[in-house]
């Protein structure tokens, strides 16, 4: 488990209400992040949970507001299993609602995404992987009016030289 606090002076933040960059003269971001992993029934399972308190500490009308586009809570869970040269896995990522503007008037909804993958090791150095991302084709925005990709597929070939 990790706890942190960041103090930021003169942070530039896009203010969606004004359609322009804005200045946050003082910001404070406190948080706790928990990471855990284990093996269950031959599945490697990893989880990360993050809790944030991202605050505008400026001496202006936005004092005390949440910083724009920063979710207070997020969770990611990954499960992967190997069957010799073949491996498979899935990830679920959940993000809480957040605000798009410095005044905290435009709320962006939370979302949950699921990704799945299958890979085959051609050799010790080469691997092919097919991923399906956002498999339930969820509509979500990380910024207002900026739609993220729907369901998509990715085929990758990777090479990792041996360390000998």
N, C-alpha and C. Protein backbone atom coordinates (compact mmCIF):
# COMPACT_ATOMS: atom_id res chain seq x y z
N UNK A 1 0.85 -1.17 0.00
CA UNK A 1 0.00 0.00 0.00
C UNK A 1 0.89 1.23 0.00
N UNK A 2 0.51 2.22 -0.79
CA UNK A 2 1.25 3.46 -0.89
C UNK A 2 0.32 4.63 -0.60
N UNK A 3 0.81 5.58 0.16
CA UNK A 3 0.08 6.82 0.40
C UNK A 3 0.95 7.96 -0.13
N UNK A 4 0.31 8.97 -0.67
CA UNK A 4 1.08 10.07 -1.25
C UNK A 4 0.33 11.38 -1.14
N UNK A 5 1.08 12.46 -1.22
CA UNK A 5 0.51 13.81 -1.31
C UNK A 5 1.43 14.63 -2.19
N UNK A 6 0.83 15.30 -3.17
CA UNK A 6 1.56 16.19 -4.07
C UNK A 6 0.99 17.59 -3.93
N UNK A 7 1.87 18.56 -3.80
CA UNK A 7 1.49 19.97 -3.79
C UNK A 7 1.99 20.56 -5.11
N UNK A 8 1.11 21.18 -5.86
CA UNK A 8 1.47 21.71 -7.17
C UNK A 8 1.15 23.20 -7.21
N UNK A 9 2.11 24.01 -7.65
CA UNK A 9 1.90 25.44 -7.84
C UNK A 9 1.79 25.72 -9.33
N UNK A 10 0.87 26.63 -9.68
CA UNK A 10 0.68 27.07 -11.07
C UNK A 10 0.46 25.91 -12.03
N UNK A 11 -0.51 25.08 -11.70
CA UNK A 11 -0.87 23.95 -12.54
C UNK A 11 -1.78 24.43 -13.67
N UNK A 12 -1.44 24.08 -14.89
CA UNK A 12 -2.29 24.43 -16.03
C UNK A 12 -3.32 23.33 -16.19
N UNK A 13 -4.58 23.72 -16.22
CA UNK A 13 -5.68 22.75 -16.36
C UNK A 13 -6.66 23.29 -17.38
N UNK A 14 -7.08 22.45 -18.28
CA UNK A 14 -8.05 22.86 -19.28
C UNK A 14 -9.40 23.05 -18.61
N UNK A 15 -10.02 24.20 -18.81
CA UNK A 15 -11.34 24.48 -18.25
C UNK A 15 -12.37 24.34 -19.36
N UNK A 16 -13.07 23.22 -19.34
CA UNK A 16 -14.04 22.93 -20.39
C UNK A 16 -15.19 23.93 -20.41
N UNK A 17 -15.49 24.57 -19.29
CA UNK A 17 -16.56 25.56 -19.26
C UNK A 17 -16.20 26.80 -20.07
N UNK A 18 -14.90 27.10 -20.15
CA UNK A 18 -14.43 28.29 -20.89
C UNK A 18 -13.82 27.91 -22.24
N UNK A 19 -13.66 26.63 -22.49
CA UNK A 19 -12.99 26.13 -23.70
C UNK A 19 -11.60 26.74 -23.85
N UNK A 20 -10.88 26.82 -22.72
CA UNK A 20 -9.54 27.42 -22.71
C UNK A 20 -8.75 26.88 -21.52
N UNK A 21 -7.44 26.98 -21.60
CA UNK A 21 -6.64 26.57 -20.45
C UNK A 21 -6.90 27.52 -19.28
N UNK A 22 -6.79 26.98 -18.09
CA UNK A 22 -6.93 27.78 -16.89
C UNK A 22 -5.77 27.52 -15.96
N UNK A 23 -5.54 28.44 -15.04
CA UNK A 23 -4.45 28.28 -14.09
C UNK A 23 -5.02 27.93 -12.72
N UNK A 24 -4.48 26.89 -12.13
CA UNK A 24 -4.79 26.55 -10.75
C UNK A 24 -3.55 26.95 -9.96
N UNK A 25 -3.64 28.05 -9.21
CA UNK A 25 -2.43 28.56 -8.56
C UNK A 25 -1.87 27.59 -7.53
N UNK A 26 -2.76 26.85 -6.83
CA UNK A 26 -2.30 25.83 -5.87
C UNK A 26 -3.24 24.63 -5.94
N UNK A 27 -2.64 23.45 -5.99
CA UNK A 27 -3.43 22.21 -6.00
C UNK A 27 -2.78 21.22 -5.04
N UNK A 28 -3.62 20.35 -4.48
CA UNK A 28 -3.14 19.30 -3.60
C UNK A 28 -3.80 18.00 -4.03
N UNK A 29 -2.97 16.99 -4.23
CA UNK A 29 -3.49 15.67 -4.61
C UNK A 29 -3.01 14.68 -3.56
N UNK A 30 -3.97 14.17 -2.78
CA UNK A 30 -3.68 13.13 -1.79
C UNK A 30 -4.25 11.82 -2.29
N UNK A 31 -3.60 10.74 -1.93
CA UNK A 31 -4.14 9.46 -2.37
C UNK A 31 -3.55 8.28 -1.66
N UNK A 32 -4.23 7.17 -1.85
CA UNK A 32 -3.78 5.88 -1.35
C UNK A 32 -3.98 4.90 -2.49
N UNK A 33 -2.96 4.06 -2.70
CA UNK A 33 -3.05 3.05 -3.73
C UNK A 33 -2.69 1.70 -3.12
N UNK A 34 -3.55 0.74 -3.32
CA UNK A 34 -3.31 -0.61 -2.83
C UNK A 34 -3.10 -1.53 -4.03
N UNK A 35 -2.09 -2.37 -3.95
CA UNK A 35 -1.77 -3.31 -5.01
C UNK A 35 -1.65 -4.70 -4.39
N UNK A 36 -2.28 -5.68 -5.00
CA UNK A 36 -2.21 -7.05 -4.49
C UNK A 36 -2.17 -8.02 -5.66
N UNK A 37 -1.54 -9.13 -5.45
CA UNK A 37 -1.49 -10.16 -6.48
C UNK A 37 -1.35 -11.53 -5.84
N UNK A 38 -1.89 -12.53 -6.52
CA UNK A 38 -1.81 -13.89 -6.03
C UNK A 38 -2.07 -14.84 -7.19
N UNK A 39 -1.98 -16.13 -6.92
CA UNK A 39 -2.33 -17.16 -7.90
C UNK A 39 -3.49 -17.96 -7.33
N UNK A 40 -4.57 -18.02 -8.11
CA UNK A 40 -5.77 -18.77 -7.73
C UNK A 40 -6.10 -19.76 -8.83
N UNK A 41 -6.09 -21.05 -8.49
CA UNK A 41 -6.42 -22.11 -9.46
C UNK A 41 -5.63 -21.94 -10.76
N UNK A 42 -4.33 -21.68 -10.64
CA UNK A 42 -3.40 -21.50 -11.75
C UNK A 42 -3.61 -20.21 -12.54
N UNK A 43 -4.42 -19.29 -12.05
CA UNK A 43 -4.60 -17.97 -12.66
C UNK A 43 -3.79 -16.96 -11.85
N UNK A 44 -3.00 -16.15 -12.54
CA UNK A 44 -2.29 -15.04 -11.90
C UNK A 44 -3.26 -13.87 -11.84
N UNK A 45 -3.58 -13.44 -10.63
CA UNK A 45 -4.56 -12.37 -10.44
C UNK A 45 -3.85 -11.18 -9.78
N UNK A 46 -4.04 -10.00 -10.35
CA UNK A 46 -3.47 -8.77 -9.79
C UNK A 46 -4.58 -7.73 -9.72
N UNK A 47 -4.54 -6.94 -8.66
CA UNK A 47 -5.56 -5.89 -8.49
C UNK A 47 -4.89 -4.63 -7.98
N UNK A 48 -5.38 -3.50 -8.46
CA UNK A 48 -4.92 -2.19 -8.01
C UNK A 48 -6.15 -1.34 -7.75
N UNK A 49 -6.17 -0.70 -6.59
CA UNK A 49 -7.26 0.22 -6.25
C UNK A 49 -6.63 1.55 -5.85
N UNK A 50 -7.17 2.64 -6.38
CA UNK A 50 -6.64 3.97 -6.08
C UNK A 50 -7.76 4.86 -5.58
N UNK A 51 -7.49 5.56 -4.49
CA UNK A 51 -8.42 6.54 -3.93
C UNK A 51 -7.70 7.88 -3.91
N UNK A 52 -8.28 8.89 -4.56
CA UNK A 52 -7.67 10.22 -4.65
C UNK A 52 -8.54 11.28 -4.01
N UNK A 53 -7.90 12.31 -3.53
CA UNK A 53 -8.58 13.53 -3.13
C UNK A 53 -7.84 14.68 -3.82
N UNK A 54 -8.18 14.94 -5.10
CA UNK A 54 -7.48 15.97 -5.88
C UNK A 54 -8.20 17.32 -5.73
N UNK A 55 -7.64 18.24 -4.99
CA UNK A 55 -8.32 19.49 -4.64
C UNK A 55 -7.64 20.72 -5.21
N UNK A 56 -8.48 21.66 -5.60
CA UNK A 56 -8.04 23.00 -5.98
C UNK A 56 -7.89 23.80 -4.69
N UNK A 57 -6.69 24.24 -4.38
CA UNK A 57 -6.41 25.00 -3.16
C UNK A 57 -6.18 26.48 -3.45
N UNK A 58 -6.52 26.92 -4.65
CA UNK A 58 -6.35 28.32 -5.03
C UNK A 58 -7.27 29.22 -4.21
N UNK A 59 -6.87 30.46 -4.06
CA UNK A 59 -7.70 31.46 -3.36
C UNK A 59 -8.63 32.15 -4.36
N UNK A 60 -9.54 31.37 -4.95
CA UNK A 60 -10.49 31.94 -5.90
C UNK A 60 -11.82 31.21 -5.75
N UNK A 61 -12.72 31.44 -6.68
CA UNK A 61 -14.07 30.85 -6.60
C UNK A 61 -14.06 29.32 -6.66
N UNK A 62 -13.00 28.71 -7.17
CA UNK A 62 -12.93 27.25 -7.29
C UNK A 62 -12.23 26.58 -6.11
N UNK A 63 -11.90 27.34 -5.08
CA UNK A 63 -11.23 26.78 -3.90
C UNK A 63 -12.04 25.63 -3.32
N UNK A 64 -11.37 24.51 -3.10
CA UNK A 64 -12.03 23.34 -2.53
C UNK A 64 -12.65 22.41 -3.55
N UNK A 65 -12.77 22.84 -4.79
CA UNK A 65 -13.34 21.97 -5.84
C UNK A 65 -12.37 20.84 -6.17
N UNK A 66 -12.91 19.78 -6.73
CA UNK A 66 -12.08 18.70 -7.24
C UNK A 66 -11.38 19.17 -8.51
N UNK A 67 -10.16 18.73 -8.71
CA UNK A 67 -9.45 19.05 -9.95
C UNK A 67 -10.14 18.37 -11.12
N UNK A 68 -10.14 19.03 -12.24
CA UNK A 68 -10.85 18.54 -13.43
C UNK A 68 -10.27 17.22 -13.92
N UNK A 69 -11.18 16.35 -14.35
CA UNK A 69 -10.86 15.09 -15.04
C UNK A 69 -10.08 14.09 -14.19
N UNK A 70 -10.17 14.19 -12.89
CA UNK A 70 -9.49 13.25 -12.00
C UNK A 70 -10.54 12.51 -11.18
N UNK A 71 -10.67 11.23 -11.44
CA UNK A 71 -11.63 10.41 -10.70
C UNK A 71 -11.10 10.18 -9.29
N UNK A 72 -12.01 10.16 -8.34
CA UNK A 72 -11.61 9.92 -6.95
C UNK A 72 -11.29 8.45 -6.71
N UNK A 73 -11.96 7.55 -7.41
CA UNK A 73 -11.75 6.12 -7.19
C UNK A 73 -11.56 5.41 -8.53
N UNK A 74 -10.65 4.44 -8.54
CA UNK A 74 -10.48 3.58 -9.71
C UNK A 74 -9.95 2.23 -9.25
N UNK A 75 -10.34 1.20 -9.99
CA UNK A 75 -9.94 -0.18 -9.68
C UNK A 75 -9.60 -0.88 -10.99
N UNK A 76 -8.55 -1.69 -10.95
CA UNK A 76 -8.19 -2.52 -12.10
C UNK A 76 -7.90 -3.93 -11.58
N UNK A 77 -8.46 -4.93 -12.26
CA UNK A 77 -8.21 -6.33 -11.92
C UNK A 77 -7.78 -7.05 -13.19
N UNK A 78 -6.68 -7.78 -13.10
CA UNK A 78 -6.16 -8.56 -14.23
C UNK A 78 -6.09 -10.02 -13.82
N UNK A 79 -6.47 -10.91 -14.73
CA UNK A 79 -6.34 -12.35 -14.49
C UNK A 79 -5.74 -12.97 -15.75
N UNK A 80 -4.65 -13.72 -15.58
CA UNK A 80 -3.95 -14.33 -16.70
C UNK A 80 -3.57 -15.77 -16.36
N UNK A 81 -3.58 -16.61 -17.39
CA UNK A 81 -3.20 -18.01 -17.19
C UNK A 81 -2.38 -18.49 -18.39
N UNK A 82 -1.38 -19.31 -18.10
CA UNK A 82 -0.52 -19.88 -19.13
C UNK A 82 -0.81 -21.36 -19.28
N UNK A 83 -0.85 -21.80 -20.54
CA UNK A 83 -1.03 -23.20 -20.90
C UNK A 83 0.13 -23.55 -21.83
N UNK A 84 1.31 -23.67 -21.28
CA UNK A 84 2.49 -23.88 -22.11
C UNK A 84 2.78 -22.61 -22.90
N UNK A 85 2.84 -22.73 -24.23
CA UNK A 85 3.14 -21.57 -25.07
C UNK A 85 1.93 -20.64 -25.24
N UNK A 86 0.75 -21.12 -24.89
CA UNK A 86 -0.49 -20.34 -25.03
C UNK A 86 -0.82 -19.66 -23.70
N UNK A 87 -1.28 -18.44 -23.76
CA UNK A 87 -1.74 -17.75 -22.55
C UNK A 87 -3.00 -16.98 -22.88
N UNK A 88 -3.80 -16.75 -21.86
CA UNK A 88 -5.04 -16.00 -22.02
C UNK A 88 -5.24 -15.12 -20.79
N UNK A 89 -6.04 -14.08 -20.95
CA UNK A 89 -6.27 -13.22 -19.80
C UNK A 89 -7.37 -12.22 -20.06
N UNK A 90 -7.70 -11.52 -19.00
CA UNK A 90 -8.73 -10.47 -19.07
C UNK A 90 -8.40 -9.39 -18.06
N UNK A 91 -8.86 -8.19 -18.34
CA UNK A 91 -8.70 -7.05 -17.44
C UNK A 91 -10.03 -6.33 -17.33
N UNK A 92 -10.34 -5.87 -16.13
CA UNK A 92 -11.51 -5.03 -15.89
C UNK A 92 -11.00 -3.76 -15.23
N UNK A 93 -11.42 -2.61 -15.76
CA UNK A 93 -11.00 -1.31 -15.27
C UNK A 93 -12.24 -0.49 -14.97
N UNK A 94 -12.37 -0.03 -13.73
CA UNK A 94 -13.55 0.74 -13.30
C UNK A 94 -13.08 2.10 -12.82
N UNK A 95 -13.71 3.17 -13.34
CA UNK A 95 -13.34 4.53 -12.99
C UNK A 95 -14.59 5.27 -12.51
N UNK A 96 -14.47 5.99 -11.41
CA UNK A 96 -15.57 6.75 -10.82
C UNK A 96 -15.86 8.00 -11.65
N UNK A 97 -16.98 8.61 -11.38
CA UNK A 97 -17.33 9.88 -12.04
C UNK A 97 -16.31 10.95 -11.66
N UNK A 98 -16.26 12.01 -12.45
CA UNK A 98 -15.36 13.13 -12.21
C UNK A 98 -15.93 14.34 -12.91
N UNK A 99 -15.32 15.49 -12.71
CA UNK A 99 -15.78 16.72 -13.34
C UNK A 99 -14.87 17.09 -14.49
N UNK A 100 -15.44 17.72 -15.51
CA UNK A 100 -14.67 18.12 -16.69
C UNK A 100 -14.16 19.54 -16.59
N UNK A 101 -14.68 20.32 -15.66
CA UNK A 101 -14.32 21.75 -15.59
C UNK A 101 -13.86 22.11 -14.19
N UNK A 102 -13.18 23.26 -14.09
CA UNK A 102 -12.64 23.72 -12.81
C UNK A 102 -13.73 24.09 -11.82
N UNK A 103 -14.90 24.52 -12.32
CA UNK A 103 -16.00 24.91 -11.45
C UNK A 103 -16.84 23.74 -10.96
N UNK A 104 -16.52 22.52 -11.39
CA UNK A 104 -17.25 21.31 -11.00
C UNK A 104 -18.72 21.38 -11.35
N UNK A 105 -19.03 21.89 -12.56
CA UNK A 105 -20.42 21.97 -13.00
C UNK A 105 -20.75 20.93 -14.06
N UNK A 106 -19.77 20.47 -14.82
CA UNK A 106 -20.00 19.47 -15.88
C UNK A 106 -19.44 18.13 -15.43
N UNK A 107 -20.34 17.21 -15.09
CA UNK A 107 -19.92 15.91 -14.59
C UNK A 107 -19.73 14.91 -15.73
N UNK A 108 -18.65 14.17 -15.65
CA UNK A 108 -18.40 13.06 -16.57
C UNK A 108 -18.73 11.78 -15.82
N UNK A 109 -19.51 10.92 -16.42
CA UNK A 109 -19.91 9.68 -15.76
C UNK A 109 -18.77 8.71 -15.58
N UNK A 110 -18.92 7.84 -14.63
CA UNK A 110 -17.96 6.77 -14.44
C UNK A 110 -18.12 5.73 -15.54
N UNK A 111 -17.18 4.81 -15.61
CA UNK A 111 -17.27 3.77 -16.63
C UNK A 111 -16.53 2.52 -16.18
N UNK A 112 -16.84 1.42 -16.83
CA UNK A 112 -16.16 0.15 -16.60
C UNK A 112 -15.83 -0.45 -17.96
N UNK A 113 -14.62 -0.89 -18.12
CA UNK A 113 -14.16 -1.49 -19.38
C UNK A 113 -13.65 -2.89 -19.13
N UNK A 114 -13.85 -3.76 -20.10
CA UNK A 114 -13.34 -5.13 -20.04
C UNK A 114 -12.53 -5.40 -21.30
N UNK A 115 -11.32 -5.90 -21.11
CA UNK A 115 -10.45 -6.28 -22.21
C UNK A 115 -10.11 -7.76 -22.07
N UNK A 116 -9.96 -8.47 -23.18
CA UNK A 116 -9.53 -9.87 -23.14
C UNK A 116 -8.36 -10.04 -24.12
N UNK A 117 -7.56 -11.06 -23.87
CA UNK A 117 -6.38 -11.28 -24.71
C UNK A 117 -6.02 -12.76 -24.76
N UNK A 118 -5.39 -13.14 -25.85
CA UNK A 118 -4.84 -14.48 -26.00
C UNK A 118 -3.49 -14.31 -26.70
N UNK A 119 -2.51 -15.07 -26.26
CA UNK A 119 -1.17 -14.94 -26.83
C UNK A 119 -0.56 -16.32 -27.05
N UNK A 120 0.36 -16.36 -28.00
CA UNK A 120 1.08 -17.60 -28.28
C UNK A 120 2.56 -17.26 -28.42
N UNK A 121 3.39 -17.95 -27.64
CA UNK A 121 4.84 -17.76 -27.71
C UNK A 121 5.40 -18.62 -28.83
N UNK A 122 5.84 -17.99 -29.90
CA UNK A 122 6.41 -18.71 -31.04
C UNK A 122 7.78 -19.29 -30.70
N UNK A 123 8.49 -18.58 -29.83
CA UNK A 123 9.81 -19.00 -29.35
C UNK A 123 10.06 -18.26 -28.04
N UNK A 124 11.26 -18.40 -27.50
CA UNK A 124 11.59 -17.68 -26.26
C UNK A 124 11.59 -16.17 -26.48
N UNK A 125 11.82 -15.73 -27.72
CA UNK A 125 11.93 -14.31 -28.00
C UNK A 125 10.70 -13.71 -28.69
N UNK A 126 9.93 -14.52 -29.42
CA UNK A 126 8.82 -14.01 -30.23
C UNK A 126 7.47 -14.42 -29.66
N UNK A 127 6.53 -13.45 -29.68
CA UNK A 127 5.18 -13.74 -29.20
C UNK A 127 4.16 -13.01 -30.07
N UNK A 128 3.05 -13.69 -30.37
CA UNK A 128 1.90 -13.10 -31.06
C UNK A 128 0.78 -12.94 -30.04
N UNK A 129 0.09 -11.79 -30.07
CA UNK A 129 -1.02 -11.58 -29.14
C UNK A 129 -2.19 -10.93 -29.87
N UNK A 130 -3.39 -11.45 -29.60
CA UNK A 130 -4.62 -10.86 -30.11
C UNK A 130 -5.40 -10.33 -28.90
N UNK A 131 -5.74 -9.04 -28.95
CA UNK A 131 -6.48 -8.40 -27.85
C UNK A 131 -7.79 -7.87 -28.38
N UNK A 132 -8.82 -8.00 -27.56
CA UNK A 132 -10.11 -7.34 -27.82
C UNK A 132 -10.31 -6.37 -26.67
N UNK A 133 -10.38 -5.09 -26.99
CA UNK A 133 -10.49 -4.05 -25.97
C UNK A 133 -11.90 -3.48 -25.95
N UNK A 134 -12.36 -3.11 -24.76
CA UNK A 134 -13.71 -2.58 -24.59
C UNK A 134 -14.72 -3.55 -25.21
N UNK A 135 -14.62 -4.82 -24.80
CA UNK A 135 -15.41 -5.88 -25.45
C UNK A 135 -16.92 -5.67 -25.36
N UNK A 136 -17.40 -4.93 -24.39
CA UNK A 136 -18.84 -4.69 -24.28
C UNK A 136 -19.25 -3.38 -24.98
N UNK A 137 -18.30 -2.79 -25.72
CA UNK A 137 -18.54 -1.60 -26.55
C UNK A 137 -19.17 -0.45 -25.74
N UNK A 138 -18.61 -0.19 -24.58
CA UNK A 138 -19.13 0.88 -23.71
C UNK A 138 -18.79 2.25 -24.28
N UNK A 139 -19.75 3.16 -24.20
CA UNK A 139 -19.53 4.56 -24.56
C UNK A 139 -19.02 5.26 -23.30
N UNK A 140 -17.88 5.93 -23.41
CA UNK A 140 -17.36 6.68 -22.27
C UNK A 140 -16.52 7.85 -22.76
N UNK A 141 -16.35 8.82 -21.88
CA UNK A 141 -15.57 10.01 -22.20
C UNK A 141 -14.58 10.27 -21.08
N UNK A 142 -13.33 10.54 -21.45
CA UNK A 142 -12.34 10.99 -20.46
C UNK A 142 -12.30 12.51 -20.41
N UNK A 143 -12.90 13.15 -21.40
CA UNK A 143 -13.10 14.59 -21.46
C UNK A 143 -14.43 14.80 -22.19
N UNK A 144 -15.16 15.83 -21.80
CA UNK A 144 -16.49 16.05 -22.39
C UNK A 144 -16.41 16.14 -23.91
N UNK A 145 -17.32 15.46 -24.57
CA UNK A 145 -17.45 15.46 -26.03
C UNK A 145 -16.27 14.82 -26.75
N UNK A 146 -15.42 14.09 -26.02
CA UNK A 146 -14.29 13.42 -26.62
C UNK A 146 -14.50 11.92 -26.43
N UNK A 147 -15.20 11.33 -27.38
CA UNK A 147 -15.53 9.91 -27.29
C UNK A 147 -14.29 9.05 -27.41
N UNK A 148 -14.26 8.02 -26.61
CA UNK A 148 -13.15 7.07 -26.64
C UNK A 148 -13.50 5.93 -27.59
N UNK A 149 -12.51 5.14 -27.98
CA UNK A 149 -12.79 4.06 -28.92
C UNK A 149 -13.81 3.05 -28.39
N UNK A 150 -14.63 2.57 -29.27
CA UNK A 150 -15.53 1.48 -28.92
C UNK A 150 -14.74 0.18 -28.93
N UNK A 151 -15.45 -0.92 -29.14
CA UNK A 151 -14.78 -2.21 -29.21
C UNK A 151 -13.73 -2.16 -30.32
N UNK A 152 -12.54 -2.68 -30.01
CA UNK A 152 -11.49 -2.71 -31.02
C UNK A 152 -10.60 -3.91 -30.79
N UNK A 153 -9.88 -4.28 -31.83
CA UNK A 153 -9.03 -5.47 -31.81
C UNK A 153 -7.62 -5.07 -32.20
N UNK A 154 -6.67 -5.77 -31.63
CA UNK A 154 -5.28 -5.46 -31.89
C UNK A 154 -4.48 -6.76 -31.97
N UNK A 155 -3.78 -6.93 -33.07
CA UNK A 155 -2.89 -8.06 -33.24
C UNK A 155 -1.47 -7.53 -33.16
N UNK A 156 -0.68 -8.07 -32.25
CA UNK A 156 0.69 -7.60 -32.09
C UNK A 156 1.66 -8.76 -32.17
N UNK A 157 2.82 -8.47 -32.70
CA UNK A 157 3.95 -9.40 -32.68
C UNK A 157 5.04 -8.69 -31.89
N UNK A 158 5.58 -9.39 -30.91
CA UNK A 158 6.62 -8.75 -30.11
C UNK A 158 7.87 -9.63 -30.09
N UNK A 159 8.99 -8.95 -30.03
CA UNK A 159 10.28 -9.61 -29.97
C UNK A 159 11.02 -9.11 -28.74
N UNK A 160 11.49 -10.02 -27.94
CA UNK A 160 12.25 -9.67 -26.76
C UNK A 160 13.56 -10.45 -26.79
N UNK A 161 14.67 -9.77 -27.04
CA UNK A 161 15.95 -10.50 -27.13
C UNK A 161 16.27 -11.19 -25.81
N UNK A 162 16.95 -12.31 -25.91
CA UNK A 162 17.31 -13.03 -24.70
C UNK A 162 18.34 -12.24 -23.91
N UNK A 163 18.38 -12.48 -22.62
CA UNK A 163 19.28 -11.73 -21.75
C UNK A 163 20.59 -12.47 -21.51
N UNK A 164 20.87 -13.44 -22.32
CA UNK A 164 22.11 -14.23 -22.14
C UNK A 164 23.31 -13.49 -22.57
